[in-house]
Amino acid sequence: MNLHSKEVAIKRPKPPNLDETDFISKLHDSLLLQILYLLPEFDAARTRILSNRWKNLCSFLPNLHLVMPFCSNIEQVNKFHDSVDQTLALRGGIPIRMFYLYYSKNCNYNRVHDCLCNVVSCKFQELDIRFPNDRFRFTFCWDLFRTCGSLVWLTLRGGFVINVSDVDVLFPCLKSISLVSIVYLRDVCFKNLISGCPVLEELYVERQLIGELDDMESCMVISPSLKRLWLSFALSGRGDFRVVIDAPRLEYLSIMDVMSIR
């Protein structure tokens, strides 16, 4: 029996080109989210532009920063609002640690309330909403947020109107409030807001109403739990302004303006 040997050429696969292989995109979504958690918030948010998959993944980050660019037409405005609604819908009620929402001029105020309704459905700890200082003022819907017992930090800046009725408890867990360039319908609205936060520890109020006046003639800070207070009336547009502070646990006080203190 004759045995004939044959040479068999074995083709070895070429080593992968690390410059061309996309290992990241092959990872599971849960692992990609863990990677995003380790990145700085700004860098993690920038991955939204990579693809629709990355955009959807960013919707599940614990901190959401949504900034509206300048929009020159209604189509661009609605596109931003649709993006915000889609982001909140994808979460499906998953709690949010920090929600930052910044509106630019020409935003659609008719859709703002619907957006806030969707935000309330997610339990969040920190809320930061900013409106442009234009002619329109958005009345903040306090009744909508009364059911949010997880809110700890609140920042409102820009085109808001504060109108708070006399309530026993408004925010049971709120510890810090920042109010910048806010319009108050009456003095009692500000007083009711502070009194409705039984565990409030920090309060920052900055009046920026150049060329604009509201019906707030005095600032009454009455809080048995308040520890730190910042007040700035340098740009309030009102010469005679009265400040009353009743805070027995106050440890730090900063006031910017020329006024008498009782």
C-alpha atoms as a PDB file:
ATOM      1  CA  MET A   1       0.000   0.000   0.000  1.00  0.00           C
ATOM      2  CA  ASN A   2       1.480   3.189  -1.121  1.00  0.00           C
ATOM      3  CA  LEU A   3       0.933   6.228   1.012  1.00  0.00           C
ATOM      4  CA  HIS A   4       1.188   9.518  -0.721  1.00  0.00           C
ATOM      5  CA  SER A   5       1.741  12.483   1.485  1.00  0.00           C
ATOM      6  CA  LYS A   6       0.229  15.782   0.559  1.00  0.00           C
ATOM      7  CA  GLU A   7       1.245  19.146   1.757  1.00  0.00           C
ATOM      8  CA  VAL A   8      -1.642  21.051   3.198  1.00  0.00           C
ATOM      9  CA  ALA A   9      -1.324  24.812   3.359  1.00  0.00           C
ATOM     10  CA  ILE A  10      -2.846  26.161   6.531  1.00  0.00           C
ATOM     11  CA  LYS A  11      -4.018  29.721   6.241  1.00  0.00           C
ATOM     12  CA  ARG A  12      -3.693  31.569   9.470  1.00  0.00           C
ATOM     13  CA  PRO A  13      -6.102  34.434  10.062  1.00  0.00           C
ATOM     14  CA  LYS A  14      -4.633  37.874   9.971  1.00  0.00           C
ATOM     15  CA  PRO A  15      -4.364  39.587  13.329  1.00  0.00           C
ATOM     16  CA  PRO A  16      -7.091  42.157  13.795  1.00  0.00           C
ATOM     17  CA  ASN A  17      -6.277  45.730  13.020  1.00  0.00           C
ATOM     18  CA  LEU A  18      -6.899  47.456  16.316  1.00  0.00           C
ATOM     19  CA  ASP A  19      -7.279  50.756  14.513  1.00  0.00           C
ATOM     20  CA  GLU A  20     -10.230  49.475  12.471  1.00  0.00           C
ATOM     21  CA  THR A  21     -11.983  47.143  14.942  1.00  0.00           C
ATOM     22  CA  ASP A  22     -14.836  48.710  16.958  1.00  0.00           C
ATOM     23  CA  PHE A  23     -14.818  46.711  20.182  1.00  0.00           C
ATOM     24  CA  ILE A  24     -16.951  49.254  22.047  1.00  0.00           C
ATOM     25  CA  SER A  25     -20.015  48.902  19.844  1.00  0.00           C
ATOM     26  CA  LYS A  26     -20.010  45.126  20.366  1.00  0.00           C
ATOM     27  CA  LEU A  27     -20.469  45.486  24.124  1.00  0.00           C
ATOM     28  CA  HIS A  28     -23.834  44.994  25.789  1.00  0.00           C
ATOM     29  CA  ASP A  29     -25.878  48.087  26.643  1.00  0.00           C
ATOM     30  CA  SER A  30     -25.588  47.429  30.382  1.00  0.00           C
ATOM     31  CA  LEU A  31     -21.793  47.422  30.157  1.00  0.00           C
ATOM     32  CA  LEU A  32     -21.753  50.580  28.044  1.00  0.00           C
ATOM     33  CA  LEU A  33     -23.879  52.294  30.675  1.00  0.00           C
ATOM     34  CA  GLN A  34     -21.351  51.357  33.338  1.00  0.00           C
ATOM     35  CA  ILE A  35     -18.641  52.974  31.199  1.00  0.00           C
ATOM     36  CA  LEU A  36     -20.728  56.128  30.820  1.00  0.00           C
ATOM     37  CA  TYR A  37     -21.222  56.267  34.596  1.00  0.00           C
ATOM     38  CA  LEU A  38     -17.429  56.495  35.012  1.00  0.00           C
ATOM     39  CA  LEU A  39     -17.045  59.411  32.596  1.00  0.00           C
ATOM     40  CA  PRO A  40     -17.435  63.069  33.571  1.00  0.00           C
ATOM     41  CA  GLU A  41     -21.010  64.190  32.990  1.00  0.00           C
ATOM     42  CA  PHE A  42     -20.114  66.511  30.119  1.00  0.00           C
ATOM     43  CA  ASP A  43     -18.135  63.815  28.266  1.00  0.00           C
ATOM     44  CA  ALA A  44     -20.866  61.229  28.815  1.00  0.00           C
ATOM     45  CA  ALA A  45     -23.504  63.582  27.395  1.00  0.00           C
ATOM     46  CA  ARG A  46     -21.387  64.239  24.294  1.00  0.00           C
ATOM     47  CA  THR A  47     -21.685  60.585  23.249  1.00  0.00           C
ATOM     48  CA  ARG A  48     -25.313  61.324  22.252  1.00  0.00           C
ATOM     49  CA  ILE A  49     -24.094  62.522  18.842  1.00  0.00           C
ATOM     50  CA  LEU A  50     -22.376  59.209  17.970  1.00  0.00           C
ATOM     51  CA  SER A  51     -25.487  57.298  16.940  1.00  0.00           C
ATOM     52  CA  ASN A  52     -29.098  56.641  17.888  1.00  0.00           C
ATOM     53  CA  ARG A  53     -27.944  53.792  20.131  1.00  0.00           C
ATOM     54  CA  TRP A  54     -25.691  56.089  22.147  1.00  0.00           C
ATOM     55  CA  LYS A  55     -28.400  58.735  22.221  1.00  0.00           C
ATOM     56  CA  ASN A  56     -30.811  56.243  23.755  1.00  0.00           C
ATOM     57  CA  LEU A  57     -28.200  55.076  26.269  1.00  0.00           C
ATOM     58  CA  CYS A  58     -27.693  58.635  27.490  1.00  0.00           C
ATOM     59  CA  SER A  59     -31.376  58.731  28.368  1.00  0.00           C
ATOM     60  CA  PHE A  60     -30.647  56.293  31.219  1.00  0.00           C
ATOM     61  CA  LEU A  61     -27.858  58.295  32.857  1.00  0.00           C
ATOM     62  CA  PRO A  62     -28.572  59.280  36.483  1.00  0.00           C
ATOM     63  CA  ASN A  63     -28.064  62.968  35.618  1.00  0.00           C
ATOM     64  CA  LEU A  64     -29.830  64.476  32.610  1.00  0.00           C
ATOM     65  CA  HIS A  65     -28.570  67.762  31.129  1.00  0.00           C
ATOM     66  CA  LEU A  66     -30.840  68.986  28.348  1.00  0.00           C
ATOM     67  CA  VAL A  67     -29.893  72.342  26.817  1.00  0.00           C
ATOM     68  CA  MET A  68     -31.978  73.919  24.080  1.00  0.00           C
ATOM     69  CA  PRO A  69     -29.872  75.527  21.337  1.00  0.00           C
ATOM     70  CA  PHE A  70     -30.887  78.736  19.644  1.00  0.00           C
ATOM     71  CA  CYS A  71     -33.799  77.948  17.327  1.00  0.00           C
ATOM     72  CA  SER A  72     -34.677  80.215  14.430  1.00  0.00           C
ATOM     73  CA  ASN A  73     -37.917  78.476  13.432  1.00  0.00           C
ATOM     74  CA  ILE A  74     -40.748  76.445  14.935  1.00  0.00           C
ATOM     75  CA  GLU A  75     -39.483  73.199  13.397  1.00  0.00           C
ATOM     76  CA  GLN A  76     -36.234  73.414  15.363  1.00  0.00           C
ATOM     77  CA  VAL A  77     -38.153  74.277  18.531  1.00  0.00           C
ATOM     78  CA  ASN A  78     -40.462  71.282  18.201  1.00  0.00           C
ATOM     79  CA  LYS A  79     -37.484  69.044  17.429  1.00  0.00           C
ATOM     80  CA  PHE A  80     -35.930  69.909  20.788  1.00  0.00           C
ATOM     81  CA  HIS A  81     -39.197  69.356  22.659  1.00  0.00           C
ATOM     82  CA  ASP A  82     -39.663  66.012  20.883  1.00  0.00           C
ATOM     83  CA  SER A  83     -36.150  65.009  21.933  1.00  0.00           C
ATOM     84  CA  VAL A  84     -36.890  65.838  25.586  1.00  0.00           C
ATOM     85  CA  ASP A  85     -40.172  63.899  25.492  1.00  0.00           C
ATOM     86  CA  GLN A  86     -38.444  60.915  23.892  1.00  0.00           C
ATOM     87  CA  THR A  87     -35.695  60.928  26.526  1.00  0.00           C
ATOM     88  CA  LEU A  88     -38.187  60.870  29.392  1.00  0.00           C
ATOM     89  CA  ALA A  89     -40.344  58.237  27.666  1.00  0.00           C
ATOM     90  CA  LEU A  90     -37.359  55.904  27.251  1.00  0.00           C
ATOM     91  CA  ARG A  91     -36.624  56.016  30.984  1.00  0.00           C
ATOM     92  CA  GLY A  92     -40.068  54.657  31.773  1.00  0.00           C
ATOM     93  CA  GLY A  93     -40.142  56.178  35.260  1.00  0.00           C
ATOM     94  CA  ILE A  94     -36.561  55.241  36.243  1.00  0.00           C
ATOM     95  CA  PRO A  95     -35.503  57.658  39.043  1.00  0.00           C
ATOM     96  CA  ILE A  96     -33.375  60.688  38.109  1.00  0.00           C
ATOM     97  CA  ARG A  97     -30.700  62.028  40.436  1.00  0.00           C
ATOM     98  CA  MET A  98     -30.364  65.440  38.758  1.00  0.00           C
ATOM     99  CA  PHE A  99     -32.497  66.956  35.982  1.00  0.00           C
ATOM    100  CA  TYR A 100     -31.143  70.088  34.292  1.00  0.00           C
ATOM    101  CA  LEU A 101     -33.332  71.751  31.629  1.00  0.00           C
ATOM    102  CA  TYR A 102     -32.354  75.012  29.941  1.00  0.00           C
ATOM    103  CA  TYR A 103     -34.689  76.717  27.486  1.00  0.00           C
ATOM    104  CA  SER A 104     -33.523  79.382  25.055  1.00  0.00           C
ATOM    105  CA  LYS A 105     -35.610  82.096  23.468  1.00  0.00           C
ATOM    106  CA  ASN A 106     -38.467  81.182  21.113  1.00  0.00           C
ATOM    107  CA  CYS A 107     -39.231  77.985  23.029  1.00  0.00           C
ATOM    108  CA  ASN A 108     -42.751  76.581  22.882  1.00  0.00           C
ATOM    109  CA  TYR A 109     -44.182  77.420  26.305  1.00  0.00           C
ATOM    110  CA  ASN A 110     -47.331  75.426  25.562  1.00  0.00           C
ATOM    111  CA  ARG A 111     -45.259  72.241  25.764  1.00  0.00           C
ATOM    112  CA  VAL A 112     -43.357  73.158  28.911  1.00  0.00           C
ATOM    113  CA  HIS A 113     -46.126  72.040  31.274  1.00  0.00           C
ATOM    114  CA  ASP A 114     -46.418  68.673  29.513  1.00  0.00           C
ATOM    115  CA  CYS A 115     -42.663  68.229  29.861  1.00  0.00           C
ATOM    116  CA  LEU A 116     -42.778  68.950  33.598  1.00  0.00           C
ATOM    117  CA  CYS A 117     -45.599  66.421  33.986  1.00  0.00           C
ATOM    118  CA  ASN A 118     -43.315  63.777  32.484  1.00  0.00           C
ATOM    119  CA  VAL A 119     -40.465  64.825  34.772  1.00  0.00           C
ATOM    120  CA  VAL A 120     -42.605  64.408  37.881  1.00  0.00           C
ATOM    121  CA  SER A 121     -43.315  60.799  36.903  1.00  0.00           C
ATOM    122  CA  CYS A 122     -39.599  60.103  37.544  1.00  0.00           C
ATOM    123  CA  LYS A 123     -38.516  60.437  41.160  1.00  0.00           C
ATOM    124  CA  PHE A 124     -35.697  62.972  41.142  1.00  0.00           C
ATOM    125  CA  GLN A 125     -33.535  64.579  43.811  1.00  0.00           C
ATOM    126  CA  GLU A 126     -32.357  67.769  42.109  1.00  0.00           C
ATOM    127  CA  LEU A 127     -34.236  69.992  39.661  1.00  0.00           C
ATOM    128  CA  ASP A 128     -32.650  72.899  37.777  1.00  0.00           C
ATOM    129  CA  ILE A 129     -34.840  74.744  35.243  1.00  0.00           C
ATOM    130  CA  ARG A 130     -33.809  77.931  33.445  1.00  0.00           C
ATOM    131  CA  PHE A 131     -35.875  80.150  31.190  1.00  0.00           C
ATOM    132  CA  PRO A 132     -34.731  83.127  29.110  1.00  0.00           C
ATOM    133  CA  ASN A 133     -35.496  86.589  30.453  1.00  0.00           C
ATOM    134  CA  ASP A 134     -37.913  87.630  27.743  1.00  0.00           C
ATOM    135  CA  ARG A 135     -41.353  89.223  27.845  1.00  0.00           C
ATOM    136  CA  PHE A 136     -43.144  85.958  28.573  1.00  0.00           C
ATOM    137  CA  ARG A 137     -43.205  84.666  32.140  1.00  0.00           C
ATOM    138  CA  PHE A 138     -44.043  81.046  32.927  1.00  0.00           C
ATOM    139  CA  THR A 139     -46.085  80.465  36.091  1.00  0.00           C
ATOM    140  CA  PHE A 140     -44.424  77.619  37.948  1.00  0.00           C
ATOM    141  CA  CYS A 141     -46.896  74.816  38.635  1.00  0.00           C
ATOM    142  CA  TRP A 142     -46.348  74.161  42.337  1.00  0.00           C
ATOM    143  CA  ASP A 143     -49.355  71.870  42.679  1.00  0.00           C
ATOM    144  CA  LEU A 144     -47.783  69.530  40.129  1.00  0.00           C
ATOM    145  CA  PHE A 145     -44.664  69.096  42.247  1.00  0.00           C
ATOM    146  CA  ARG A 146     -46.372  68.707  45.598  1.00  0.00           C
ATOM    147  CA  THR A 147     -46.490  64.957  45.027  1.00  0.00           C
ATOM    148  CA  CYS A 148     -42.698  64.794  44.562  1.00  0.00           C
ATOM    149  CA  GLY A 149     -41.415  63.788  47.966  1.00  0.00           C
ATOM    150  CA  SER A 150     -37.897  63.009  46.725  1.00  0.00           C
ATOM    151  CA  LEU A 151     -36.924  66.566  45.701  1.00  0.00           C
ATOM    152  CA  VAL A 152     -33.949  67.843  47.742  1.00  0.00           C
ATOM    153  CA  TRP A 153     -32.438  70.661  45.606  1.00  0.00           C
ATOM    154  CA  LEU A 154     -34.426  73.158  43.522  1.00  0.00           C
ATOM    155  CA  THR A 155     -33.087  75.902  41.221  1.00  0.00           C
ATOM    156  CA  LEU A 156     -35.319  78.241  39.219  1.00  0.00           C
ATOM    157  CA  ARG A 157     -33.735  80.890  37.042  1.00  0.00           C
ATOM    158  CA  GLY A 158     -35.203  83.339  34.540  1.00  0.00           C
ATOM    159  CA  GLY A 159     -38.742  83.751  33.263  1.00  0.00           C
ATOM    160  CA  PHE A 160     -40.749  82.325  36.148  1.00  0.00           C
ATOM    161  CA  VAL A 161     -43.689  83.768  38.033  1.00  0.00           C
ATOM    162  CA  ILE A 162     -44.043  82.581  41.632  1.00  0.00           C
ATOM    163  CA  ASN A 163     -47.584  82.293  42.972  1.00  0.00           C
ATOM    164  CA  VAL A 164     -47.818  80.091  46.054  1.00  0.00           C
ATOM    165  CA  SER A 165     -50.975  79.905  48.131  1.00  0.00           C
ATOM    166  CA  ASP A 166     -51.043  79.282  51.873  1.00  0.00           C
ATOM    167  CA  VAL A 167     -50.149  75.602  52.342  1.00  0.00           C
ATOM    168  CA  ASP A 168     -48.947  73.551  55.288  1.00  0.00           C
ATOM    169  CA  VAL A 169     -46.236  71.539  53.516  1.00  0.00           C
ATOM    170  CA  LEU A 170     -45.124  72.113  49.938  1.00  0.00           C
ATOM    171  CA  PHE A 171     -41.844  70.168  49.709  1.00  0.00           C
ATOM    172  CA  PRO A 172     -41.319  67.823  52.678  1.00  0.00           C
ATOM    173  CA  CYS A 173     -37.709  66.894  51.786  1.00  0.00           C
ATOM    174  CA  LEU A 174     -36.416  70.067  50.109  1.00  0.00           C
ATOM    175  CA  LYS A 175     -33.153  71.277  51.706  1.00  0.00           C
ATOM    176  CA  SER A 176     -31.839  73.837  49.200  1.00  0.00           C
ATOM    177  CA  ILE A 177     -33.544  76.482  47.039  1.00  0.00           C
ATOM    178  CA  SER A 178     -31.994  78.903  44.527  1.00  0.00           C
ATOM    179  CA  LEU A 179     -34.219  81.605  42.997  1.00  0.00           C
ATOM    180  CA  VAL A 180     -32.689  83.937  40.407  1.00  0.00           C
ATOM    181  CA  SER A 181     -34.513  86.650  38.454  1.00  0.00           C
ATOM    182  CA  ILE A 182     -37.951  85.474  39.599  1.00  0.00           C
ATOM    183  CA  VAL A 183     -41.165  87.541  39.569  1.00  0.00           C
ATOM    184  CA  TYR A 184     -43.421  87.276  42.638  1.00  0.00           C
ATOM    185  CA  LEU A 185     -47.112  88.153  42.400  1.00  0.00           C
ATOM    186  CA  ARG A 186     -47.310  89.124  46.087  1.00  0.00           C
ATOM    187  CA  ASP A 187     -45.051  89.264  49.134  1.00  0.00           C
ATOM    188  CA  VAL A 188     -46.932  86.389  50.704  1.00  0.00           C
ATOM    189  CA  CYS A 189     -46.030  84.101  47.781  1.00  0.00           C
ATOM    190  CA  PHE A 190     -42.354  84.128  48.741  1.00  0.00           C
ATOM    191  CA  LYS A 191     -43.209  83.724  52.426  1.00  0.00           C
ATOM    192  CA  ASN A 192     -45.485  80.755  51.707  1.00  0.00           C
ATOM    193  CA  LEU A 193     -42.828  79.087  49.585  1.00  0.00           C
ATOM    194  CA  ILE A 194     -40.216  79.192  52.350  1.00  0.00           C
ATOM    195  CA  SER A 195     -42.688  78.241  55.069  1.00  0.00           C
ATOM    196  CA  GLY A 196     -43.818  75.251  53.010  1.00  0.00           C
ATOM    197  CA  CYS A 197     -40.361  73.635  53.229  1.00  0.00           C
ATOM    198  CA  PRO A 198     -40.049  72.302  56.811  1.00  0.00           C
ATOM    199  CA  VAL A 199     -36.462  70.977  56.451  1.00  0.00           C
ATOM    200  CA  LEU A 200     -34.999  73.802  54.346  1.00  0.00           C
ATOM    201  CA  GLU A 201     -31.331  74.485  55.180  1.00  0.00           C
ATOM    202  CA  GLU A 202     -30.029  76.681  52.322  1.00  0.00           C
ATOM    203  CA  LEU A 203     -31.706  79.585  50.516  1.00  0.00           C
ATOM    204  CA  TYR A 204     -30.211  81.688  47.711  1.00  0.00           C
ATOM    205  CA  VAL A 205     -32.249  84.604  46.331  1.00  0.00           C
ATOM    206  CA  GLU A 206     -30.965  86.939  43.628  1.00  0.00           C
ATOM    207  CA  ARG A 207     -33.167  89.699  42.252  1.00  0.00           C
ATOM    208  CA  GLN A 208     -32.425  90.605  38.624  1.00  0.00           C
ATOM    209  CA  LEU A 209     -35.363  92.658  37.379  1.00  0.00           C
ATOM    210  CA  ILE A 210     -33.736  95.465  35.418  1.00  0.00           C
ATOM    211  CA  GLY A 211     -36.453  97.652  33.911  1.00  0.00           C
ATOM    212  CA  GLU A 212     -39.134  95.397  35.420  1.00  0.00           C
ATOM    213  CA  LEU A 213     -41.011  95.519  38.707  1.00  0.00           C
ATOM    214  CA  ASP A 214     -43.240  93.000  40.449  1.00  0.00           C
ATOM    215  CA  ASP A 215     -45.496  93.269  43.513  1.00  0.00           C
ATOM    216  CA  MET A 216     -42.851  92.111  45.977  1.00  0.00           C
ATOM    217  CA  GLU A 217     -42.064  94.980  48.347  1.00  0.00           C
ATOM    218  CA  SER A 218     -40.602  92.954  51.203  1.00  0.00           C
ATOM    219  CA  CYS A 219     -38.726  89.692  51.641  1.00  0.00           C
ATOM    220  CA  MET A 220     -39.876  87.660  54.628  1.00  0.00           C
ATOM    221  CA  VAL A 221     -37.655  84.682  55.394  1.00  0.00           C
ATOM    222  CA  ILE A 222     -39.338  82.662  58.140  1.00  0.00           C
ATOM    223  CA  SER A 223     -37.834  79.214  58.637  1.00  0.00           C
ATOM    224  CA  PRO A 224     -37.008  77.327  61.862  1.00  0.00           C
ATOM    225  CA  SER A 225     -34.593  74.999  60.001  1.00  0.00           C
ATOM    226  CA  LEU A 226     -32.667  77.453  57.769  1.00  0.00           C
ATOM    227  CA  LYS A 227     -28.876  77.464  58.309  1.00  0.00           C
ATOM    228  CA  ARG A 228     -27.425  79.411  55.338  1.00  0.00           C
ATOM    229  CA  LEU A 229     -28.932  82.419  53.588  1.00  0.00           C
ATOM    230  CA  TRP A 230     -27.748  84.465  50.579  1.00  0.00           C
ATOM    231  CA  LEU A 231     -29.709  87.555  49.476  1.00  0.00           C
ATOM    232  CA  SER A 232     -28.800  89.833  46.573  1.00  0.00           C
ATOM    233  CA  PHE A 233     -30.912  92.869  45.652  1.00  0.00           C
ATOM    234  CA  ALA A 234     -28.294  94.846  43.727  1.00  0.00           C
ATOM    235  CA  LEU A 235     -30.312  94.581  40.493  1.00  0.00           C
ATOM    236  CA  SER A 236     -33.812  94.522  41.939  1.00  0.00           C
ATOM    237  CA  GLY A 237     -34.914  97.783  40.305  1.00  0.00           C
ATOM    238  CA  ARG A 238     -36.560  98.925  43.552  1.00  0.00           C
ATOM    239  CA  GLY A 239     -34.958 101.468  45.856  1.00  0.00           C
ATOM    240  CA  ASP A 240     -36.895 100.838  49.078  1.00  0.00           C
ATOM    241  CA  PHE A 241     -37.013  97.165  50.021  1.00  0.00           C
ATOM    242  CA  ARG A 242     -37.671  95.582  53.411  1.00  0.00           C
ATOM    243  CA  VAL A 243     -36.126  92.328  54.618  1.00  0.00           C
ATOM    244  CA  VAL A 244     -37.399  90.388  57.630  1.00  0.00           C
ATOM    245  CA  ILE A 245     -35.455  87.320  58.791  1.00  0.00           C
ATOM    246  CA  ASP A 246     -36.784  84.925  61.408  1.00  0.00           C
ATOM    247  CA  ALA A 247     -34.414  81.954  61.366  1.00  0.00           C
ATOM    248  CA  PRO A 248     -33.223  80.896  64.856  1.00  0.00           C
ATOM    249  CA  ARG A 249     -30.823  78.240  63.507  1.00  0.00           C
ATOM    250  CA  LEU A 250     -29.120  80.543  60.990  1.00  0.00           C
ATOM    251  CA  GLU A 251     -25.325  80.060  60.865  1.00  0.00           C
ATOM    252  CA  TYR A 252     -24.361  82.055  57.765  1.00  0.00           C
ATOM    253  CA  LEU A 253     -25.826  85.257  56.270  1.00  0.00           C
ATOM    254  CA  SER A 254     -24.797  87.183  53.148  1.00  0.00           C
ATOM    255  CA  ILE A 255     -26.669  90.277  51.910  1.00  0.00           C
ATOM    256  CA  MET A 256     -25.684  92.365  48.886  1.00  0.00           C
ATOM    257  CA  ASP A 257     -27.363  95.786  48.761  1.00  0.00           C
ATOM    258  CA  VAL A 258     -27.829  98.981  50.749  1.00  0.00           C
ATOM    259  CA  MET A 259     -30.850  98.439  52.999  1.00  0.00           C
ATOM    260  CA  SER A 260     -31.974  98.430  56.577  1.00  0.00           C
ATOM    261  CA  ILE A 261     -32.316  95.105  58.385  1.00  0.00           C
ATOM    262  CA  ARG A 262     -34.862  94.481  61.149  1.00  0.00           C
END
